[in-house]
N, C-alpha and C. Protein backbone atom coordinates (compact mmCIF):
# COMPACT_ATOMS: atom_id res chain seq x y z
N MET A 1 -15.27 -28.06 -3.07
CA MET A 1 -14.59 -27.66 -4.30
C MET A 1 -15.55 -27.87 -5.47
N VAL A 2 -15.63 -26.92 -6.35
CA VAL A 2 -16.51 -27.00 -7.51
C VAL A 2 -15.81 -27.78 -8.60
N LYS A 3 -16.50 -28.75 -9.17
CA LYS A 3 -15.93 -29.49 -10.31
C LYS A 3 -15.84 -28.56 -11.50
N GLN A 4 -14.86 -28.78 -12.35
CA GLN A 4 -14.67 -27.90 -13.50
C GLN A 4 -15.89 -27.92 -14.42
N ASN A 5 -16.56 -29.06 -14.53
CA ASN A 5 -17.72 -29.18 -15.41
C ASN A 5 -18.91 -28.37 -14.88
N ASP A 6 -19.06 -28.27 -13.55
CA ASP A 6 -20.20 -27.59 -12.94
C ASP A 6 -19.97 -26.09 -12.78
N SER A 7 -18.83 -25.60 -13.22
CA SER A 7 -18.45 -24.22 -12.98
C SER A 7 -19.19 -23.27 -13.91
N PHE A 8 -19.47 -22.09 -13.38
CA PHE A 8 -20.05 -21.02 -14.19
C PHE A 8 -18.95 -20.22 -14.87
N ILE A 9 -17.72 -20.56 -14.59
CA ILE A 9 -16.58 -19.84 -15.16
C ILE A 9 -16.21 -20.50 -16.48
N THR A 10 -16.12 -19.67 -17.51
CA THR A 10 -15.83 -20.21 -18.84
C THR A 10 -14.43 -19.81 -19.28
N ASP A 11 -13.99 -20.48 -20.31
CA ASP A 11 -12.69 -20.18 -20.91
C ASP A 11 -12.67 -18.74 -21.41
N GLU A 12 -13.78 -18.29 -21.99
CA GLU A 12 -13.86 -16.92 -22.50
C GLU A 12 -13.71 -15.90 -21.38
N MET A 13 -14.29 -16.20 -20.24
CA MET A 13 -14.18 -15.29 -19.09
C MET A 13 -12.73 -15.16 -18.64
N LEU A 14 -12.03 -16.30 -18.58
CA LEU A 14 -10.63 -16.27 -18.15
C LEU A 14 -9.77 -15.51 -19.15
N VAL A 15 -10.00 -15.74 -20.42
CA VAL A 15 -9.24 -15.04 -21.46
C VAL A 15 -9.51 -13.54 -21.37
N LYS A 16 -10.78 -13.17 -21.22
CA LYS A 16 -11.13 -11.75 -21.14
C LYS A 16 -10.48 -11.10 -19.93
N TYR A 17 -10.53 -11.76 -18.76
CA TYR A 17 -9.91 -11.22 -17.54
C TYR A 17 -8.41 -11.05 -17.75
N TYR A 18 -7.78 -12.07 -18.31
CA TYR A 18 -6.33 -12.03 -18.54
C TYR A 18 -5.97 -10.86 -19.46
N GLU A 19 -6.70 -10.72 -20.56
CA GLU A 19 -6.41 -9.65 -21.52
C GLU A 19 -6.67 -8.27 -20.91
N LEU A 20 -7.78 -8.12 -20.17
CA LEU A 20 -8.08 -6.84 -19.54
C LEU A 20 -7.02 -6.48 -18.51
N ASN A 21 -6.57 -7.47 -17.76
CA ASN A 21 -5.54 -7.22 -16.74
C ASN A 21 -4.24 -6.77 -17.40
N LYS A 22 -3.91 -7.38 -18.54
CA LYS A 22 -2.71 -6.98 -19.28
C LYS A 22 -2.85 -5.53 -19.76
N LYS A 23 -4.03 -5.20 -20.31
CA LYS A 23 -4.26 -3.83 -20.79
C LYS A 23 -4.20 -2.84 -19.62
N LYS A 24 -4.77 -3.24 -18.48
CA LYS A 24 -4.77 -2.37 -17.30
C LYS A 24 -3.34 -2.01 -16.90
N LYS A 25 -2.45 -3.02 -16.89
CA LYS A 25 -1.06 -2.77 -16.51
C LYS A 25 -0.37 -1.84 -17.52
N GLU A 26 -0.67 -2.06 -18.81
CA GLU A 26 -0.09 -1.20 -19.84
C GLU A 26 -0.60 0.23 -19.70
N ILE A 27 -1.90 0.38 -19.44
CA ILE A 27 -2.49 1.70 -19.28
C ILE A 27 -1.92 2.40 -18.05
N GLU A 28 -1.80 1.68 -16.94
CA GLU A 28 -1.24 2.28 -15.72
C GLU A 28 0.19 2.74 -15.95
N LEU A 29 0.98 1.94 -16.65
CA LEU A 29 2.36 2.31 -16.95
C LEU A 29 2.39 3.58 -17.80
N GLU A 30 1.56 3.63 -18.83
CA GLU A 30 1.53 4.81 -19.71
C GLU A 30 1.04 6.05 -18.95
N MET A 31 0.02 5.87 -18.10
CA MET A 31 -0.49 7.00 -17.31
C MET A 31 0.58 7.51 -16.35
N ASN A 32 1.32 6.61 -15.72
CA ASN A 32 2.39 7.02 -14.80
C ASN A 32 3.48 7.79 -15.54
N GLN A 33 3.79 7.37 -16.75
CA GLN A 33 4.79 8.09 -17.55
C GLN A 33 4.29 9.51 -17.86
N LEU A 34 3.01 9.62 -18.23
CA LEU A 34 2.45 10.94 -18.52
C LEU A 34 2.42 11.81 -17.25
N LYS A 35 2.04 11.21 -16.12
CA LYS A 35 2.02 11.97 -14.87
C LYS A 35 3.41 12.50 -14.55
N ASP A 36 4.43 11.67 -14.76
CA ASP A 36 5.82 12.13 -14.52
C ASP A 36 6.17 13.31 -15.43
N LEU A 37 5.75 13.23 -16.70
CA LEU A 37 5.99 14.34 -17.62
C LEU A 37 5.29 15.61 -17.14
N PHE A 38 4.03 15.46 -16.71
CA PHE A 38 3.27 16.61 -16.21
C PHE A 38 3.94 17.21 -14.98
N GLN A 39 4.40 16.35 -14.06
CA GLN A 39 5.07 16.83 -12.85
C GLN A 39 6.35 17.58 -13.21
N ASP A 40 7.14 17.02 -14.13
CA ASP A 40 8.37 17.68 -14.56
C ASP A 40 8.07 19.05 -15.18
N TYR A 41 7.04 19.10 -15.99
CA TYR A 41 6.65 20.36 -16.63
C TYR A 41 6.30 21.41 -15.57
N PHE A 42 5.43 21.03 -14.62
CA PHE A 42 5.03 21.98 -13.58
C PHE A 42 6.19 22.34 -12.66
N ASN A 43 7.08 21.37 -12.38
CA ASN A 43 8.25 21.67 -11.55
C ASN A 43 9.10 22.76 -12.19
N LYS A 44 9.29 22.67 -13.51
CA LYS A 44 10.08 23.68 -14.21
C LYS A 44 9.33 25.01 -14.31
N LEU A 45 8.01 24.93 -14.44
CA LEU A 45 7.19 26.13 -14.62
C LEU A 45 7.02 26.92 -13.32
N VAL A 46 6.66 26.23 -12.22
CA VAL A 46 6.33 26.94 -10.97
C VAL A 46 7.07 26.40 -9.75
N GLY A 47 7.91 25.39 -9.91
CA GLY A 47 8.62 24.81 -8.77
C GLY A 47 7.89 23.59 -8.23
N PRO A 48 8.60 22.78 -7.44
CA PRO A 48 8.04 21.50 -6.99
C PRO A 48 6.98 21.59 -5.89
N THR A 49 6.83 22.73 -5.23
CA THR A 49 5.88 22.80 -4.11
C THR A 49 4.70 23.72 -4.38
N ASN A 50 4.51 24.12 -5.62
CA ASN A 50 3.42 25.03 -5.95
C ASN A 50 2.38 24.33 -6.82
N LYS A 51 1.11 24.66 -6.56
CA LYS A 51 0.06 24.12 -7.42
C LYS A 51 0.06 24.89 -8.73
N ALA A 52 -0.49 24.26 -9.75
CA ALA A 52 -0.48 24.90 -11.07
C ALA A 52 -1.58 24.30 -11.93
N GLU A 53 -1.87 25.00 -13.01
CA GLU A 53 -2.82 24.46 -13.98
C GLU A 53 -2.57 25.09 -15.34
N ILE A 54 -2.89 24.32 -16.37
CA ILE A 54 -2.84 24.83 -17.74
C ILE A 54 -4.10 24.32 -18.45
N THR A 55 -4.53 25.06 -19.45
CA THR A 55 -5.68 24.65 -20.25
C THR A 55 -5.24 24.56 -21.69
N ILE A 56 -5.53 23.44 -22.30
CA ILE A 56 -5.24 23.24 -23.72
C ILE A 56 -6.53 22.75 -24.37
N ASN A 57 -7.02 23.51 -25.33
CA ASN A 57 -8.32 23.25 -25.96
C ASN A 57 -9.38 23.12 -24.86
N ASN A 58 -10.06 22.02 -24.77
CA ASN A 58 -11.12 21.87 -23.77
C ASN A 58 -10.65 21.05 -22.56
N TYR A 59 -9.35 20.91 -22.36
CA TYR A 59 -8.83 20.12 -21.25
C TYR A 59 -8.03 21.00 -20.29
N LYS A 60 -8.29 20.80 -19.01
CA LYS A 60 -7.55 21.53 -17.99
C LYS A 60 -6.72 20.52 -17.20
N LEU A 61 -5.42 20.78 -17.13
CA LEU A 61 -4.50 19.96 -16.35
C LEU A 61 -4.17 20.73 -15.08
N GLN A 62 -4.43 20.11 -13.94
CA GLN A 62 -4.16 20.76 -12.65
C GLN A 62 -3.22 19.91 -11.82
N ARG A 63 -2.41 20.61 -11.04
CA ARG A 63 -1.60 19.91 -10.03
C ARG A 63 -1.94 20.51 -8.69
N GLN A 64 -2.36 19.65 -7.79
CA GLN A 64 -2.62 20.04 -6.41
C GLN A 64 -1.39 19.66 -5.58
N ILE A 65 -1.16 20.39 -4.53
CA ILE A 65 -0.05 20.09 -3.62
C ILE A 65 -0.63 19.83 -2.24
N ARG A 66 -0.37 18.66 -1.71
CA ARG A 66 -0.79 18.34 -0.35
C ARG A 66 0.41 18.50 0.57
N LYS A 67 0.21 19.30 1.58
CA LYS A 67 1.29 19.53 2.54
C LYS A 67 1.05 18.62 3.74
N ILE A 68 2.03 17.82 4.08
CA ILE A 68 1.93 16.90 5.21
C ILE A 68 3.03 17.26 6.19
N GLU A 69 2.64 17.56 7.41
CA GLU A 69 3.62 17.84 8.45
C GLU A 69 3.45 16.84 9.57
N LYS A 70 4.57 16.30 10.03
CA LYS A 70 4.53 15.44 11.20
C LYS A 70 5.83 15.60 11.96
N PHE A 71 5.79 15.26 13.21
CA PHE A 71 6.96 15.43 14.06
C PHE A 71 7.97 14.31 13.82
N ASN A 72 9.25 14.68 13.80
CA ASN A 72 10.30 13.68 13.79
C ASN A 72 10.28 13.05 15.18
N GLU A 73 9.94 11.78 15.25
CA GLU A 73 9.67 11.14 16.54
C GLU A 73 10.86 11.21 17.50
N ASP A 74 12.03 10.81 17.05
CA ASP A 74 13.19 10.76 17.95
C ASP A 74 13.56 12.14 18.49
N ILE A 75 13.67 13.10 17.60
CA ILE A 75 14.08 14.45 18.01
C ILE A 75 13.02 15.08 18.91
N THR A 76 11.75 14.92 18.56
CA THR A 76 10.67 15.53 19.33
C THR A 76 10.59 14.93 20.73
N VAL A 77 10.70 13.60 20.84
CA VAL A 77 10.65 12.94 22.15
C VAL A 77 11.81 13.42 23.01
N LYS A 78 12.99 13.48 22.43
CA LYS A 78 14.16 13.94 23.18
C LYS A 78 13.97 15.38 23.68
N ARG A 79 13.47 16.25 22.80
CA ARG A 79 13.24 17.64 23.17
C ARG A 79 12.19 17.76 24.27
N LEU A 80 11.10 17.00 24.16
CA LEU A 80 10.04 17.04 25.18
C LEU A 80 10.55 16.52 26.52
N GLU A 81 11.41 15.51 26.47
CA GLU A 81 12.00 14.99 27.71
C GLU A 81 12.90 16.06 28.35
N GLU A 82 13.67 16.76 27.53
CA GLU A 82 14.53 17.83 28.05
C GLU A 82 13.70 18.93 28.71
N LEU A 83 12.51 19.16 28.17
CA LEU A 83 11.62 20.20 28.70
C LEU A 83 10.72 19.69 29.83
N ASN A 84 10.96 18.44 30.26
CA ASN A 84 10.13 17.78 31.28
C ASN A 84 8.64 17.81 30.92
N MET A 85 8.35 17.59 29.65
CA MET A 85 6.97 17.55 29.17
C MET A 85 6.60 16.10 28.82
N ASN A 86 6.88 15.19 29.75
CA ASN A 86 6.65 13.77 29.50
C ASN A 86 5.18 13.43 29.25
N ASP A 87 4.27 14.28 29.73
CA ASP A 87 2.85 14.04 29.49
C ASP A 87 2.49 14.17 28.01
N LEU A 88 3.37 14.78 27.23
CA LEU A 88 3.12 14.96 25.80
C LEU A 88 3.70 13.81 24.96
N ILE A 89 4.24 12.80 25.64
CA ILE A 89 4.85 11.66 24.96
C ILE A 89 3.97 10.44 25.16
N GLN A 90 3.64 9.77 24.07
CA GLN A 90 2.84 8.54 24.14
C GLN A 90 3.75 7.36 24.47
N VAL A 91 3.23 6.47 25.31
CA VAL A 91 3.90 5.20 25.55
C VAL A 91 2.98 4.15 24.95
N ILE A 92 3.42 3.53 23.89
CA ILE A 92 2.59 2.58 23.17
C ILE A 92 3.05 1.17 23.50
N LYS A 93 2.14 0.40 24.09
CA LYS A 93 2.44 -0.99 24.40
C LYS A 93 1.83 -1.86 23.30
N LYS A 94 2.67 -2.68 22.68
CA LYS A 94 2.16 -3.61 21.69
C LYS A 94 3.04 -4.85 21.68
N PRO A 95 2.45 -5.99 21.32
CA PRO A 95 3.21 -7.24 21.34
C PRO A 95 4.37 -7.22 20.34
N ASP A 96 5.47 -7.83 20.74
CA ASP A 96 6.64 -7.96 19.86
C ASP A 96 6.56 -9.34 19.22
N ASP A 97 6.10 -9.38 17.97
CA ASP A 97 5.88 -10.65 17.27
C ASP A 97 7.12 -11.54 17.25
N VAL A 98 8.26 -10.94 16.97
CA VAL A 98 9.51 -11.72 16.87
C VAL A 98 9.84 -12.37 18.20
N LYS A 99 9.75 -11.61 19.29
CA LYS A 99 10.09 -12.16 20.60
C LYS A 99 9.08 -13.21 21.05
N ILE A 100 7.81 -12.99 20.72
CA ILE A 100 6.78 -13.97 21.09
C ILE A 100 7.03 -15.29 20.37
N LYS A 101 7.34 -15.23 19.08
CA LYS A 101 7.61 -16.45 18.31
C LYS A 101 8.85 -17.16 18.84
N SER A 102 9.86 -16.39 19.23
CA SER A 102 11.07 -16.99 19.81
C SER A 102 10.75 -17.67 21.13
N ALA A 103 9.95 -17.01 21.97
CA ALA A 103 9.58 -17.58 23.27
C ALA A 103 8.77 -18.86 23.08
N LEU A 104 7.93 -18.90 22.06
CA LEU A 104 7.18 -20.13 21.76
C LEU A 104 8.12 -21.25 21.33
N GLN A 105 9.09 -20.94 20.49
CA GLN A 105 10.04 -21.95 20.01
C GLN A 105 10.92 -22.47 21.15
N LEU A 106 11.28 -21.58 22.06
CA LEU A 106 12.14 -21.98 23.18
C LEU A 106 11.36 -22.67 24.30
N GLY A 107 10.03 -22.66 24.19
CA GLY A 107 9.22 -23.29 25.21
C GLY A 107 8.98 -22.43 26.44
N LEU A 108 9.35 -21.15 26.38
CA LEU A 108 9.12 -20.25 27.50
C LEU A 108 7.66 -19.83 27.58
N LEU A 109 6.96 -20.02 26.49
CA LEU A 109 5.55 -19.64 26.38
C LEU A 109 4.87 -20.75 25.59
N SER A 110 3.65 -21.09 25.95
CA SER A 110 2.94 -22.12 25.19
C SER A 110 1.79 -21.49 24.42
N GLU A 111 1.35 -22.19 23.38
CA GLU A 111 0.24 -21.72 22.55
C GLU A 111 -0.99 -21.44 23.40
N SER A 112 -1.21 -22.27 24.46
CA SER A 112 -2.40 -22.10 25.29
C SER A 112 -2.36 -20.78 26.08
N ASN A 113 -1.15 -20.29 26.37
CA ASN A 113 -1.04 -19.00 27.06
C ASN A 113 -1.58 -17.84 26.21
N LEU A 114 -1.56 -18.04 24.90
CA LEU A 114 -1.98 -16.98 23.99
C LEU A 114 -3.33 -17.26 23.33
N GLU A 115 -4.07 -18.22 23.90
CA GLU A 115 -5.36 -18.57 23.34
C GLU A 115 -6.28 -17.35 23.34
N GLY A 116 -6.87 -17.08 22.18
CA GLY A 116 -7.76 -15.94 22.04
C GLY A 116 -7.03 -14.65 21.67
N CYS A 117 -5.72 -14.70 21.62
CA CYS A 117 -4.93 -13.49 21.34
C CYS A 117 -4.61 -13.32 19.85
N VAL A 118 -4.59 -14.42 19.13
CA VAL A 118 -4.18 -14.37 17.73
C VAL A 118 -5.39 -14.04 16.85
N VAL A 119 -5.23 -13.02 16.03
CA VAL A 119 -6.28 -12.64 15.09
C VAL A 119 -5.80 -13.04 13.70
N THR A 120 -6.61 -13.83 13.01
CA THR A 120 -6.27 -14.28 11.66
C THR A 120 -7.20 -13.62 10.68
N SER A 121 -6.63 -13.06 9.63
CA SER A 121 -7.46 -12.46 8.59
C SER A 121 -7.05 -13.04 7.24
N TYR A 122 -7.98 -13.04 6.33
CA TYR A 122 -7.74 -13.57 5.00
C TYR A 122 -8.13 -12.52 3.98
N SER A 123 -7.36 -12.43 2.91
CA SER A 123 -7.73 -11.52 1.83
C SER A 123 -7.58 -12.26 0.51
N PRO A 124 -8.69 -12.43 -0.19
CA PRO A 124 -8.62 -13.17 -1.45
C PRO A 124 -7.98 -12.34 -2.56
N ALA A 125 -7.28 -13.01 -3.44
CA ALA A 125 -6.67 -12.36 -4.60
C ALA A 125 -6.91 -13.24 -5.82
N ILE A 126 -7.23 -12.62 -6.93
CA ILE A 126 -7.48 -13.34 -8.17
C ILE A 126 -6.27 -13.19 -9.08
N SER A 127 -5.89 -14.29 -9.70
CA SER A 127 -4.78 -14.26 -10.62
C SER A 127 -5.11 -15.18 -11.78
N VAL A 128 -4.92 -14.73 -13.01
CA VAL A 128 -5.09 -15.56 -14.19
C VAL A 128 -3.81 -15.47 -14.99
N LYS A 129 -3.24 -16.63 -15.27
CA LYS A 129 -1.99 -16.69 -16.03
C LYS A 129 -2.16 -17.64 -17.19
N THR A 130 -1.35 -17.46 -18.21
CA THR A 130 -1.39 -18.40 -19.32
C THR A 130 -0.47 -19.57 -18.99
N LEU A 131 -0.90 -20.75 -19.37
CA LEU A 131 -0.09 -21.94 -19.17
C LEU A 131 0.58 -22.26 -20.50
N THR A 132 1.89 -22.37 -20.46
CA THR A 132 2.61 -22.69 -21.68
C THR A 132 2.62 -24.20 -21.86
N PRO A 133 2.30 -24.69 -23.07
CA PRO A 133 2.31 -26.13 -23.30
C PRO A 133 3.73 -26.68 -23.19
N ARG A 134 3.83 -27.91 -22.70
CA ARG A 134 5.15 -28.53 -22.52
C ARG A 134 5.65 -29.19 -23.76
């Protein structure tokens, strides 16, 4: 652990990060509101599934439409089974976390049985908050 005196982190850095993070949230909120306005405008102009663009002075506003198609899993599996096309259905084997934890608690499974099976990952997150004096 780094002592506070030996740190390269200064009060000014924390204040700047805090203030920038506040501005970032405000900017994101305002941008999302503008995006919603733009979407509403284009929805009324050309409909919700059409791309569009307008130019005002030297700025061009464009809306792209991404089409995503995927199969409804339940209906498609049922239909493929009816057609005896079982080769087109994936069987995915994966551990059931809830059942494994229950089996461990009940003693049906021991930690040593799962040695080498557990993958642990870490993701750091930075947070700066103001402390209110008491």
